[in-house]
Amino acid sequence: MSYKLIIEYYQQIQEILSNNYFQEYGVIGLFLNSLLSATAIPIPTEILTSALLIGGENIFLVSLALIIGSVIGGILNYFIGFGGNKLFKKIKKETDIEKNEKKHNKILDKFGWSAIFFAAWIPVIGDLILISAGVKKMKLVKFSIFMVSGKIVKTIIVVVGLGTIF
């Protein structure tokens, strides 16, 4: 690989991480950003949120886009765990599956439903907790209540915090 090619890739990665692509689409871009961010892809939503707030976007629309995107992403994580368990059993050996299930369930066993609530605050690992809830086949209604309330509280704190700064 040439130095020039490496620099080009580095610049493309910086553009993606700085959310330039999402920023062009405003609130819809923020929705897509939060949806992807909530599905174990580590894209920070705070940068775009602050950019939209600085740009004068309505704080209610910003909050709504963040909440809806992250909730849909969280529910997708649950169903990935719920249905993906069967797929992984077909692909992997039984011993590998048992080891992975034990690792993922440790947090849920230790902290219970509060782990679902606070999963919104923990990047990547929080998404894995939500996937583990699906693998464990936790009740969807109760899961949704804890996950949605956690995402709403986080969004309110982030948007109000960034809104007062900017």
C-alpha atoms as a PDB file:
ATOM      1  CA  MET A   1       0.000   0.000   0.000  1.00  0.00           C
ATOM      2  CA  SER A   2       1.222   3.406  -0.851  1.00  0.00           C
ATOM      3  CA  TYR A   3       1.374   6.278   1.597  1.00  0.00           C
ATOM      4  CA  LYS A   4      -1.061   8.280  -0.524  1.00  0.00           C
ATOM      5  CA  LEU A   5      -3.658   5.491  -0.413  1.00  0.00           C
ATOM      6  CA  ILE A   6      -3.330   5.164   3.356  1.00  0.00           C
ATOM      7  CA  ILE A   7      -3.850   8.920   3.772  1.00  0.00           C
ATOM      8  CA  GLU A   8      -6.922   8.747   1.520  1.00  0.00           C
ATOM      9  CA  TYR A   9      -8.447   5.926   3.585  1.00  0.00           C
ATOM     10  CA  TYR A  10      -7.654   7.799   6.783  1.00  0.00           C
ATOM     11  CA  GLN A  11      -9.438  10.917   5.502  1.00  0.00           C
ATOM     12  CA  GLN A  12     -12.495   8.887   4.480  1.00  0.00           C
ATOM     13  CA  ILE A  13     -12.683   7.295   7.920  1.00  0.00           C
ATOM     14  CA  GLN A  14     -12.392  10.727   9.550  1.00  0.00           C
ATOM     15  CA  GLU A  15     -15.286  12.029   7.421  1.00  0.00           C
ATOM     16  CA  ILE A  16     -17.480   9.114   8.429  1.00  0.00           C
ATOM     17  CA  LEU A  17     -16.621   9.435  12.111  1.00  0.00           C
ATOM     18  CA  SER A  18     -17.164  13.179  12.090  1.00  0.00           C
ATOM     19  CA  ASN A  19     -20.639  12.508  10.711  1.00  0.00           C
ATOM     20  CA  ASN A  20     -20.307  14.701   7.610  1.00  0.00           C
ATOM     21  CA  TYR A  21     -22.453  12.284   5.635  1.00  0.00           C
ATOM     22  CA  PHE A  22     -25.218  12.304   8.224  1.00  0.00           C
ATOM     23  CA  GLN A  23     -25.048  16.059   8.803  1.00  0.00           C
ATOM     24  CA  GLU A  24     -26.116  16.775   5.215  1.00  0.00           C
ATOM     25  CA  TYR A  25     -29.509  15.209   5.946  1.00  0.00           C
ATOM     26  CA  GLY A  26     -30.223  17.035   9.202  1.00  0.00           C
ATOM     27  CA  VAL A  27     -32.694  15.343  11.541  1.00  0.00           C
ATOM     28  CA  ILE A  28     -33.159  12.391   9.170  1.00  0.00           C
ATOM     29  CA  GLY A  29     -29.389  11.929   9.170  1.00  0.00           C
ATOM     30  CA  LEU A  30     -29.430  12.041  12.968  1.00  0.00           C
ATOM     31  CA  PHE A  31     -32.135   9.353  12.979  1.00  0.00           C
ATOM     32  CA  LEU A  32     -30.002   7.120  10.731  1.00  0.00           C
ATOM     33  CA  ASN A  33     -26.925   7.897  12.810  1.00  0.00           C
ATOM     34  CA  SER A  34     -28.663   6.924  16.054  1.00  0.00           C
ATOM     35  CA  LEU A  35     -30.140   3.799  14.459  1.00  0.00           C
ATOM     36  CA  LEU A  36     -26.718   2.605  13.310  1.00  0.00           C
ATOM     37  CA  SER A  37     -25.127   3.662  16.582  1.00  0.00           C
ATOM     38  CA  ALA A  38     -27.650   1.573  18.513  1.00  0.00           C
ATOM     39  CA  THR A  39     -26.805  -1.561  16.521  1.00  0.00           C
ATOM     40  CA  ALA A  40     -23.215  -2.107  17.705  1.00  0.00           C
ATOM     41  CA  ILE A  41     -21.622   0.201  15.121  1.00  0.00           C
ATOM     42  CA  PRO A  42     -19.596   2.702  17.150  1.00  0.00           C
ATOM     43  CA  ILE A  43     -20.696   5.958  15.508  1.00  0.00           C
ATOM     44  CA  PRO A  44     -20.958   8.815  18.018  1.00  0.00           C
ATOM     45  CA  THR A  45     -24.287  10.663  17.896  1.00  0.00           C
ATOM     46  CA  GLU A  46     -23.173  13.516  20.140  1.00  0.00           C
ATOM     47  CA  ILE A  47     -21.119  15.224  17.415  1.00  0.00           C
ATOM     48  CA  LEU A  48     -24.041  15.433  15.006  1.00  0.00           C
ATOM     49  CA  THR A  49     -26.452  16.337  17.810  1.00  0.00           C
ATOM     50  CA  SER A  50     -24.302  19.289  18.831  1.00  0.00           C
ATOM     51  CA  ALA A  51     -23.848  20.348  15.185  1.00  0.00           C
ATOM     52  CA  LEU A  52     -27.613  20.376  14.638  1.00  0.00           C
ATOM     53  CA  LEU A  53     -28.238  22.275  17.865  1.00  0.00           C
ATOM     54  CA  ILE A  54     -25.588  24.841  16.939  1.00  0.00           C
ATOM     55  CA  GLY A  55     -27.240  25.130  13.531  1.00  0.00           C
ATOM     56  CA  GLY A  56     -30.522  26.085  15.221  1.00  0.00           C
ATOM     57  CA  GLU A  57     -32.423  22.826  14.753  1.00  0.00           C
ATOM     58  CA  ASN A  58     -35.493  22.341  16.936  1.00  0.00           C
ATOM     59  CA  ILE A  59     -34.467  20.627  20.197  1.00  0.00           C
ATOM     60  CA  PHE A  60     -37.687  18.562  20.208  1.00  0.00           C
ATOM     61  CA  LEU A  61     -37.035  17.194  16.684  1.00  0.00           C
ATOM     62  CA  VAL A  62     -33.440  16.368  17.588  1.00  0.00           C
ATOM     63  CA  SER A  63     -34.607  14.518  20.715  1.00  0.00           C
ATOM     64  CA  LEU A  64     -37.331  12.672  18.823  1.00  0.00           C
ATOM     65  CA  ALA A  65     -34.932  11.555  16.072  1.00  0.00           C
ATOM     66  CA  LEU A  66     -32.434  10.286  18.651  1.00  0.00           C
ATOM     67  CA  ILE A  67     -35.060   8.427  20.674  1.00  0.00           C
ATOM     68  CA  ILE A  68     -36.804   6.783  17.720  1.00  0.00           C
ATOM     69  CA  GLY A  69     -33.546   5.759  16.040  1.00  0.00           C
ATOM     70  CA  SER A  70     -31.982   4.327  19.175  1.00  0.00           C
ATOM     71  CA  VAL A  71     -35.167   2.508  20.224  1.00  0.00           C
ATOM     72  CA  ILE A  72     -35.529   0.859  16.815  1.00  0.00           C
ATOM     73  CA  GLY A  73     -31.848  -0.091  16.982  1.00  0.00           C
ATOM     74  CA  GLY A  74     -32.315  -1.571  20.460  1.00  0.00           C
ATOM     75  CA  ILE A  75     -35.294  -3.636  19.349  1.00  0.00           C
ATOM     76  CA  LEU A  76     -33.309  -4.837  16.332  1.00  0.00           C
ATOM     77  CA  ASN A  77     -30.557  -5.930  18.728  1.00  0.00           C
ATOM     78  CA  TYR A  78     -33.092  -7.893  20.752  1.00  0.00           C
ATOM     79  CA  PHE A  79     -34.393  -9.693  17.677  1.00  0.00           C
ATOM     80  CA  ILE A  80     -30.861 -10.338  16.411  1.00  0.00           C
ATOM     81  CA  GLY A  81     -30.240 -12.178  19.677  1.00  0.00           C
ATOM     82  CA  PHE A  82     -33.651 -13.830  19.678  1.00  0.00           C
ATOM     83  CA  GLY A  83     -33.466 -15.245  16.158  1.00  0.00           C
ATOM     84  CA  GLY A  84     -29.719 -15.251  15.693  1.00  0.00           C
ATOM     85  CA  ASN A  85     -29.268 -17.848  18.393  1.00  0.00           C
ATOM     86  CA  LYS A  86     -30.700 -20.531  16.085  1.00  0.00           C
ATOM     87  CA  LEU A  87     -28.436 -19.446  13.254  1.00  0.00           C
ATOM     88  CA  PHE A  88     -25.316 -19.542  15.416  1.00  0.00           C
ATOM     89  CA  LYS A  89     -26.213 -23.005  16.677  1.00  0.00           C
ATOM     90  CA  LYS A  90     -26.237 -24.282  13.102  1.00  0.00           C
ATOM     91  CA  ILE A  91     -22.890 -22.677  12.281  1.00  0.00           C
ATOM     92  CA  LYS A  92     -20.829 -23.112  15.455  1.00  0.00           C
ATOM     93  CA  LYS A  93     -19.980 -26.085  17.593  1.00  0.00           C
ATOM     94  CA  GLU A  94     -22.057 -26.612  20.717  1.00  0.00           C
ATOM     95  CA  THR A  95     -19.140 -25.964  23.075  1.00  0.00           C
ATOM     96  CA  ASP A  96     -18.460 -22.546  21.529  1.00  0.00           C
ATOM     97  CA  ILE A  97     -22.111 -21.563  21.870  1.00  0.00           C
ATOM     98  CA  GLU A  98     -22.271 -22.563  25.516  1.00  0.00           C
ATOM     99  CA  LYS A  99     -19.130 -20.559  26.342  1.00  0.00           C
ATOM    100  CA  ASN A 100     -20.405 -17.424  24.566  1.00  0.00           C
ATOM    101  CA  GLU A 101     -23.850 -17.637  26.163  1.00  0.00           C
ATOM    102  CA  LYS A 102     -22.290 -17.846  29.618  1.00  0.00           C
ATOM    103  CA  LYS A 103     -20.167 -14.737  28.983  1.00  0.00           C
ATOM    104  CA  HIS A 104     -23.062 -12.670  27.661  1.00  0.00           C
ATOM    105  CA  ASN A 105     -25.489 -13.721  30.359  1.00  0.00           C
ATOM    106  CA  LYS A 106     -23.157 -12.869  33.272  1.00  0.00           C
ATOM    107  CA  ILE A 107     -24.023  -9.165  33.129  1.00  0.00           C
ATOM    108  CA  LEU A 108     -27.746  -9.849  32.774  1.00  0.00           C
ATOM    109  CA  ASP A 109     -27.697 -12.362  35.620  1.00  0.00           C
ATOM    110  CA  LYS A 110     -25.781  -9.996  37.882  1.00  0.00           C
ATOM    111  CA  PHE A 111     -27.680  -6.759  37.225  1.00  0.00           C
ATOM    112  CA  GLY A 112     -31.012  -8.009  35.850  1.00  0.00           C
ATOM    113  CA  TRP A 113     -33.356  -5.497  34.276  1.00  0.00           C
ATOM    114  CA  SER A 114     -31.224  -2.541  35.353  1.00  0.00           C
ATOM    115  CA  ALA A 115     -28.604  -3.757  32.847  1.00  0.00           C
ATOM    116  CA  ILE A 116     -31.195  -3.244  30.092  1.00  0.00           C
ATOM    117  CA  PHE A 117     -31.930   0.286  31.360  1.00  0.00           C
ATOM    118  CA  PHE A 118     -28.252   1.298  31.522  1.00  0.00           C
ATOM    119  CA  ALA A 119     -27.317  -0.438  28.260  1.00  0.00           C
ATOM    120  CA  ALA A 120     -28.121   2.849  26.481  1.00  0.00           C
ATOM    121  CA  TRP A 121     -25.201   4.497  28.281  1.00  0.00           C
ATOM    122  CA  ILE A 122     -22.541   1.925  27.385  1.00  0.00           C
ATOM    123  CA  PRO A 123     -21.277   2.027  23.795  1.00  0.00           C
ATOM    124  CA  VAL A 124     -20.968  -1.331  21.985  1.00  0.00           C
ATOM    125  CA  ILE A 125     -21.120  -3.413  25.199  1.00  0.00           C
ATOM    126  CA  GLY A 126     -24.601  -2.032  25.859  1.00  0.00           C
ATOM    127  CA  ASP A 127     -25.662  -3.228  22.429  1.00  0.00           C
ATOM    128  CA  LEU A 128     -24.284  -6.672  23.216  1.00  0.00           C
ATOM    129  CA  ILE A 129     -26.299  -6.657  26.438  1.00  0.00           C
ATOM    130  CA  LEU A 130     -29.458  -6.023  24.404  1.00  0.00           C
ATOM    131  CA  ILE A 131     -28.540  -8.839  22.013  1.00  0.00           C
ATOM    132  CA  SER A 132     -27.961 -11.094  25.024  1.00  0.00           C
ATOM    133  CA  ALA A 133     -31.443 -10.234  26.290  1.00  0.00           C
ATOM    134  CA  GLY A 134     -32.806 -11.579  23.019  1.00  0.00           C
ATOM    135  CA  VAL A 135     -30.672 -14.704  23.291  1.00  0.00           C
ATOM    136  CA  LYS A 136     -32.003 -15.186  26.825  1.00  0.00           C
ATOM    137  CA  LYS A 137     -35.534 -14.662  25.467  1.00  0.00           C
ATOM    138  CA  MET A 138     -36.464 -12.061  28.068  1.00  0.00           C
ATOM    139  CA  LYS A 139     -40.064 -10.845  27.925  1.00  0.00           C
ATOM    140  CA  LEU A 140     -40.344  -8.370  25.045  1.00  0.00           C
ATOM    141  CA  VAL A 141     -42.795  -6.016  26.778  1.00  0.00           C
ATOM    142  CA  LYS A 142     -40.727  -5.711  29.937  1.00  0.00           C
ATOM    143  CA  PHE A 143     -37.530  -5.481  27.872  1.00  0.00           C
ATOM    144  CA  SER A 144     -39.065  -2.676  25.798  1.00  0.00           C
ATOM    145  CA  ILE A 145     -40.151  -0.706  28.863  1.00  0.00           C
ATOM    146  CA  PHE A 146     -36.677  -0.781  30.450  1.00  0.00           C
ATOM    147  CA  MET A 147     -34.811  -0.222  27.176  1.00  0.00           C
ATOM    148  CA  VAL A 148     -37.043   2.644  25.983  1.00  0.00           C
ATOM    149  CA  SER A 149     -36.958   4.383  29.362  1.00  0.00           C
ATOM    150  CA  GLY A 150     -33.148   4.116  29.447  1.00  0.00           C
ATOM    151  CA  LYS A 151     -32.829   5.525  25.934  1.00  0.00           C
ATOM    152  CA  ILE A 152     -35.243   8.383  26.714  1.00  0.00           C
ATOM    153  CA  VAL A 153     -33.416   9.375  29.903  1.00  0.00           C
ATOM    154  CA  LYS A 154     -30.046   9.300  28.129  1.00  0.00           C
ATOM    155  CA  THR A 155     -31.377  11.341  25.196  1.00  0.00           C
ATOM    156  CA  ILE A 156     -32.928  13.981  27.437  1.00  0.00           C
ATOM    157  CA  ILE A 157     -29.719  14.384  29.420  1.00  0.00           C
ATOM    158  CA  VAL A 158     -27.541  14.536  26.289  1.00  0.00           C
ATOM    159  CA  VAL A 159     -29.780  16.929  24.341  1.00  0.00           C
ATOM    160  CA  VAL A 160     -30.483  19.234  27.274  1.00  0.00           C
ATOM    161  CA  GLY A 161     -26.803  19.170  28.252  1.00  0.00           C
ATOM    162  CA  LEU A 162     -25.621  19.953  24.746  1.00  0.00           C
ATOM    163  CA  GLY A 163     -28.472  22.441  24.264  1.00  0.00           C
ATOM    164  CA  THR A 164     -27.396  24.475  27.272  1.00  0.00           C
ATOM    165  CA  ILE A 165     -23.780  24.469  26.128  1.00  0.00           C
ATOM    166  CA  PHE A 166     -24.624  25.575  22.610  1.00  0.00           C
END
